[in-house]
Amino acid sequence: MSDRMPVVFVSHGAPDALLKAEDAVACWREIGQAVSKPAAILVVSAHWEMRQPAASLSEAPETIHDFAGFSPVLYSMQYRAPGAPALARRVVSLLSVAGIAADLHSGRGLDHGAWVPLSAMYPQADVPVTQLSLARNTSAAANFALGQALAPLRAEGILIIASGAITHNFGWLDWHAQGDQAALPQARTFSNWVAGRLAARDVPALLAYRSAPYGADSHPTEEHFLPLFVAMGAANGDTPLRYQPRFAYGGLSMDAYLWRDSAPVSTSK
């Protein structure tokens, strides 16, 4: 086995996941325990889009509460990890070599797509972290290529975390759902389709996901699915381990994936 760091994709769910999605929080904690402590973390979150990819130079990223209408408890939460400006510069350098134009951002903090799962994965907040934005109006294929360009980071002790959603249709959500409520069949169908194509390493099918059963319905807009393609590109053909926490609010698949060298195809709850 090589010493490359794994690649992680998490469905970060609603902003209140830390309060209400106990199964998902346990999953993120398990992933954090399964991965050797990285030198630094690069997070690609669905909640930061720029004209072209941008990496944050912040030395002390603020905790961004980029949501409204949730419990006041959430607004008091802070994730005070140190920044990773050297990693941000390395990211932009790798993208440039690959022919992908990218920027450095002077002070972007951590949005809830980053700090919510990180709070469970690395609760001590002692690993330097920076975020890389998505580029607006880009394709699945472009994000796969971006992930491929970032793959060398894995051999440098960097953990790449892509944070988005396997399903993200607000029309499917029951905000009064209880934790044991059955998942919406459409959401489960698409979630299982994604799992099957990932296990088969069927990149062409995944790139054309909007033609899959409930693919377009699962993502009325694409930004929450695009981080998955970044993770796939960085995974460089490794086989993913699937985690299946319970669905949130009936329609949000909380599936997570861990790609590591020689990982078996498996399911964990």
Protein backbone atom coordinates (compact mmCIF):
# COMPACT_ATOMS: atom_id res chain seq x y z
CA MET A 1 0.00 0.00 0.00
CA SER A 2 1.14 3.55 -0.66
CA ASP A 3 1.24 6.40 1.82
CA ARG A 4 -1.26 8.52 -0.08
CA MET A 5 -3.94 10.17 2.01
CA PRO A 6 -7.52 9.15 1.30
CA VAL A 7 -10.15 11.33 -0.35
CA VAL A 8 -13.47 11.97 1.40
CA PHE A 9 -16.89 13.03 0.14
CA VAL A 10 -19.56 13.96 2.68
CA SER A 11 -23.18 14.89 2.24
CA HIS A 12 -23.24 17.69 4.79
CA GLY A 13 -27.03 17.87 5.03
CA ALA A 14 -28.89 20.81 6.52
CA PRO A 15 -26.95 23.31 8.68
CA ASP A 16 -28.45 21.73 11.82
CA ALA A 17 -26.90 18.31 11.13
CA LEU A 18 -24.74 18.59 14.26
CA LEU A 19 -27.91 18.93 16.34
CA LYS A 20 -30.31 16.58 14.57
CA ALA A 21 -28.48 14.13 12.30
CA GLU A 22 -26.87 11.92 14.93
CA ASP A 23 -26.27 9.09 12.48
CA ALA A 24 -24.40 11.37 10.08
CA VAL A 25 -22.34 12.90 12.88
CA ALA A 26 -21.34 9.42 14.02
CA CYS A 27 -20.36 8.62 10.43
CA TRP A 28 -18.15 11.72 10.15
CA ARG A 29 -16.56 10.88 13.48
CA GLU A 30 -15.85 7.36 12.27
CA ILE A 31 -14.23 8.67 9.08
CA GLY A 32 -12.05 11.04 11.07
CA GLN A 33 -10.89 8.17 13.26
CA ALA A 34 -10.22 5.96 10.22
CA VAL A 35 -7.91 8.48 8.55
CA SER A 36 -4.39 9.20 9.76
CA LYS A 37 -4.04 12.77 11.00
CA PRO A 38 -3.25 14.84 7.91
CA ALA A 39 -0.70 17.60 7.58
CA ALA A 40 -3.52 19.86 6.41
CA ILE A 41 -7.02 19.67 4.96
CA LEU A 42 -8.39 21.05 1.72
CA VAL A 43 -12.18 21.39 1.67
CA VAL A 44 -14.17 21.90 -1.52
CA SER A 45 -17.65 22.99 -0.43
CA ALA A 46 -20.82 23.48 -2.42
CA HIS A 47 -21.36 26.72 -0.50
CA TRP A 48 -18.54 28.70 -2.04
CA GLU A 49 -18.68 29.56 -5.74
CA MET A 50 -16.50 32.08 -7.55
CA ARG A 51 -15.92 33.08 -11.16
CA GLN A 52 -13.07 30.58 -11.18
CA PRO A 53 -11.62 28.33 -8.44
CA ALA A 54 -10.20 30.31 -5.53
CA ALA A 55 -8.21 29.08 -2.53
CA SER A 56 -8.25 30.91 0.79
CA LEU A 57 -5.09 32.43 2.26
CA SER A 58 -6.72 33.03 5.63
CA GLU A 59 -4.39 32.20 8.52
CA ALA A 60 -7.29 32.02 11.00
CA PRO A 61 -10.47 31.17 9.06
CA GLU A 62 -13.65 32.54 10.58
CA THR A 63 -16.63 30.26 11.15
CA ILE A 64 -19.23 31.43 8.64
CA HIS A 65 -22.85 30.99 9.71
CA ASP A 66 -24.23 31.11 6.19
CA PHE A 67 -27.83 30.17 6.96
CA ALA A 68 -30.93 31.53 8.65
CA GLY A 69 -33.92 30.22 10.54
CA PHE A 70 -32.19 27.48 12.54
CA SER A 71 -31.58 27.02 16.26
CA PRO A 72 -29.68 29.86 17.97
CA VAL A 73 -27.30 27.18 19.24
CA LEU A 74 -25.83 26.88 15.76
CA TYR A 75 -24.87 30.55 15.63
CA SER A 76 -22.78 30.21 18.75
CA MET A 77 -20.73 27.33 17.35
CA GLN A 78 -17.17 28.09 16.31
CA TYR A 79 -14.56 25.96 14.58
CA ARG A 80 -11.22 27.62 15.26
CA ALA A 81 -8.80 25.60 13.15
CA PRO A 82 -5.67 27.33 11.88
CA GLY A 83 -5.55 28.27 8.22
CA ALA A 84 -3.30 26.73 5.60
CA PRO A 85 -2.11 29.53 3.29
CA ALA A 86 0.85 27.48 2.00
CA LEU A 87 -1.60 24.77 0.95
CA ALA A 88 -3.74 27.40 -0.81
CA ARG A 89 -0.72 28.49 -2.85
CA ARG A 90 0.15 24.87 -3.65
CA VAL A 91 -3.42 24.27 -4.84
CA VAL A 92 -3.34 27.22 -7.21
CA SER A 93 0.06 26.09 -8.50
CA LEU A 94 -1.23 22.58 -9.26
CA LEU A 95 -4.28 23.95 -11.01
CA SER A 96 -2.14 26.30 -13.08
CA VAL A 97 0.09 23.42 -14.20
CA ALA A 98 -3.07 21.60 -15.31
CA GLY A 99 -4.21 24.62 -17.31
CA ILE A 100 -6.97 25.55 -14.87
CA ALA A 101 -7.05 29.25 -14.02
CA ALA A 102 -7.41 29.84 -10.27
CA ASP A 103 -7.20 32.68 -7.78
CA LEU A 104 -6.03 33.22 -4.23
CA HIS A 105 -8.59 34.74 -1.85
CA SER A 106 -7.28 36.88 0.97
CA GLY A 107 -9.67 35.99 3.76
CA ARG A 108 -12.38 33.44 3.07
CA GLY A 109 -13.46 31.52 6.18
CA LEU A 110 -15.14 28.13 6.59
CA ASP A 111 -18.77 27.86 5.53
CA HIS A 112 -21.10 25.27 7.04
CA GLY A 113 -20.25 22.79 4.29
CA ALA A 114 -16.78 22.74 5.84
CA TRP A 115 -17.04 23.39 9.56
CA VAL A 116 -20.10 21.25 10.24
CA PRO A 117 -18.53 17.91 9.18
CA LEU A 118 -15.06 18.99 10.39
CA SER A 119 -16.49 19.58 13.86
CA ALA A 120 -17.20 15.85 14.04
CA MET A 121 -14.20 14.57 12.09
CA TYR A 122 -11.54 16.68 13.88
CA PRO A 123 -13.24 18.15 16.94
CA GLN A 124 -9.98 19.48 18.38
CA ALA A 125 -9.70 21.84 15.38
CA ASP A 126 -5.95 21.25 15.41
CA VAL A 127 -5.40 20.48 11.72
CA PRO A 128 -4.75 23.45 9.39
CA VAL A 129 -7.52 23.85 6.83
CA THR A 130 -8.26 25.93 3.77
CA GLN A 131 -11.17 26.00 1.34
CA LEU A 132 -11.20 25.87 -2.42
CA SER A 133 -14.23 27.30 -4.17
CA LEU A 134 -16.18 25.79 -6.99
CA ALA A 135 -16.26 27.75 -10.24
CA ARG A 136 -19.67 28.97 -11.27
CA ASN A 137 -21.41 27.39 -14.25
CA THR A 138 -18.93 24.57 -14.72
CA SER A 139 -19.66 21.01 -15.80
CA ALA A 140 -19.30 17.72 -14.00
CA ALA A 141 -16.40 16.90 -16.32
CA ALA A 142 -14.61 20.17 -15.47
CA ASN A 143 -14.85 19.39 -11.77
CA PHE A 144 -13.58 15.85 -12.34
CA ALA A 145 -10.56 17.35 -14.13
CA LEU A 146 -10.05 19.77 -11.24
CA GLY A 147 -9.96 16.83 -8.84
CA GLN A 148 -7.42 15.06 -11.03
CA ALA A 149 -5.19 18.12 -10.87
CA LEU A 150 -5.35 18.06 -7.08
CA ALA A 151 -4.52 14.34 -6.74
CA PRO A 152 -0.78 14.94 -6.07
CA LEU A 153 -1.73 16.52 -2.74
CA ARG A 154 -2.56 13.06 -1.43
CA ALA A 155 1.13 12.11 -1.48
CA GLU A 156 1.93 15.30 0.44
CA GLY A 157 -0.10 14.45 3.53
CA ILE A 158 -3.13 16.50 2.49
CA LEU A 159 -6.65 15.23 3.12
CA ILE A 160 -9.09 16.34 0.41
CA ILE A 161 -12.67 16.63 1.63
CA ALA A 162 -15.41 17.33 -0.90
CA SER A 163 -18.61 18.49 0.80
CA GLY A 164 -21.94 18.57 -1.00
CA ALA A 165 -24.99 16.34 -1.27
CA ILE A 166 -26.02 13.16 -3.03
CA THR A 167 -29.58 14.50 -3.18
CA HIS A 168 -30.50 18.17 -2.82
CA ASN A 169 -34.12 18.88 -3.75
CA PHE A 170 -35.83 21.08 -1.17
CA GLY A 171 -39.19 20.02 -2.58
CA TRP A 172 -38.46 16.52 -1.31
CA LEU A 173 -37.85 17.55 2.30
CA ASP A 174 -40.18 17.11 5.23
CA TRP A 175 -38.88 19.57 7.81
CA HIS A 176 -40.98 17.84 10.48
CA ALA A 177 -39.60 14.39 9.74
CA GLN A 178 -38.46 12.22 12.62
CA GLY A 179 -35.12 10.45 12.57
CA ASP A 180 -36.66 7.05 11.82
CA GLN A 181 -38.86 8.28 8.96
CA ALA A 182 -38.54 6.27 5.75
CA ALA A 183 -36.57 7.93 2.99
CA LEU A 184 -38.37 9.28 -0.04
CA PRO A 185 -38.22 6.49 -2.66
CA GLN A 186 -36.92 8.81 -5.40
CA ALA A 187 -34.07 9.98 -3.18
CA ARG A 188 -33.15 6.44 -2.20
CA THR A 189 -33.26 5.28 -5.82
CA PHE A 190 -30.83 7.94 -6.98
CA SER A 191 -28.59 7.49 -3.93
CA ASN A 192 -28.30 3.77 -4.66
CA TRP A 193 -27.69 4.42 -8.35
CA VAL A 194 -24.78 6.70 -7.47
CA ALA A 195 -23.37 4.06 -5.12
CA GLY A 196 -23.56 1.40 -7.81
CA ARG A 197 -21.84 3.53 -10.43
CA LEU A 198 -19.12 4.59 -7.99
CA ALA A 199 -18.45 0.98 -7.02
CA ALA A 200 -18.18 0.11 -10.71
CA ARG A 201 -15.90 3.13 -11.30
CA ASP A 202 -18.27 4.10 -14.10
CA VAL A 203 -17.14 7.67 -14.63
CA PRO A 204 -19.02 8.22 -17.93
CA ALA A 205 -22.34 7.25 -16.36
CA LEU A 206 -21.77 9.51 -13.38
CA LEU A 207 -20.79 12.44 -15.58
CA ALA A 208 -24.15 11.93 -17.33
CA TYR A 209 -26.01 11.58 -14.02
CA ARG A 210 -28.85 13.86 -15.08
CA SER A 211 -30.06 11.05 -17.37
CA ALA A 212 -30.12 8.56 -14.47
CA PRO A 213 -33.33 7.70 -12.61
CA TYR A 214 -34.27 10.85 -10.66
CA GLY A 215 -30.87 12.38 -11.43
CA ALA A 216 -32.14 15.75 -12.58
CA ASP A 217 -34.85 15.72 -9.90
CA SER A 218 -32.25 15.09 -7.20
CA HIS A 219 -30.39 18.26 -8.21
CA PRO A 220 -32.54 21.10 -9.54
CA THR A 221 -29.27 23.04 -9.36
CA GLU A 222 -25.91 21.30 -9.66
CA GLU A 223 -23.62 22.95 -7.13
CA HIS A 224 -24.22 20.37 -4.38
CA PHE A 225 -23.34 17.43 -6.62
CA LEU A 226 -20.23 18.91 -8.23
CA PRO A 227 -17.96 18.31 -5.21
CA LEU A 228 -18.48 14.57 -5.76
CA PHE A 229 -16.73 14.87 -9.12
CA VAL A 230 -13.81 16.69 -7.52
CA ALA A 231 -13.47 13.78 -5.10
CA MET A 232 -13.74 11.24 -7.92
CA GLY A 233 -10.98 12.95 -9.87
CA ALA A 234 -8.67 13.15 -6.87
CA ALA A 235 -9.41 9.50 -6.02
CA ASN A 236 -7.63 8.51 -9.22
CA GLY A 237 -9.44 5.19 -9.69
CA ASP A 238 -9.46 4.02 -6.07
CA THR A 239 -12.56 2.08 -4.98
CA PRO A 240 -14.79 3.91 -2.50
CA LEU A 241 -16.10 2.73 0.83
CA ARG A 242 -19.71 3.81 1.21
CA TYR A 243 -21.19 5.05 4.47
CA GLN A 244 -24.99 5.20 4.75
CA PRO A 245 -26.28 7.31 7.62
CA ARG A 246 -30.04 7.74 7.79
CA PHE A 247 -31.60 10.25 5.42
CA ALA A 248 -32.20 13.73 6.85
CA TYR A 249 -35.66 15.26 6.59
CA GLY A 250 -36.80 12.33 4.48
CA GLY A 251 -35.18 13.51 1.25
CA LEU A 252 -31.54 14.37 1.97
CA SER A 253 -29.26 11.41 1.39
CA MET A 254 -26.44 11.65 3.91
CA ASP A 255 -24.18 9.16 2.12
CA ALA A 256 -20.44 9.64 2.51
CA TYR A 257 -17.56 8.02 0.65
CA LEU A 258 -13.96 7.29 1.54
CA TRP A 259 -11.47 6.46 -1.19
CA ARG A 260 -8.22 4.92 -0.06
CA ASP A 261 -5.66 2.64 -1.66
CA SER A 262 -6.88 -0.96 -1.84
CA ALA A 263 -10.12 -0.15 -0.05
CA PRO A 264 -12.75 -2.90 -0.38
CA VAL A 265 -16.27 -2.19 -1.58
CA SER A 266 -18.33 -2.16 1.59
CA THR A 267 -21.13 -0.49 3.47
CA SER A 268 -21.00 0.94 6.98
CA LYS A 269 -23.72 2.36 9.16
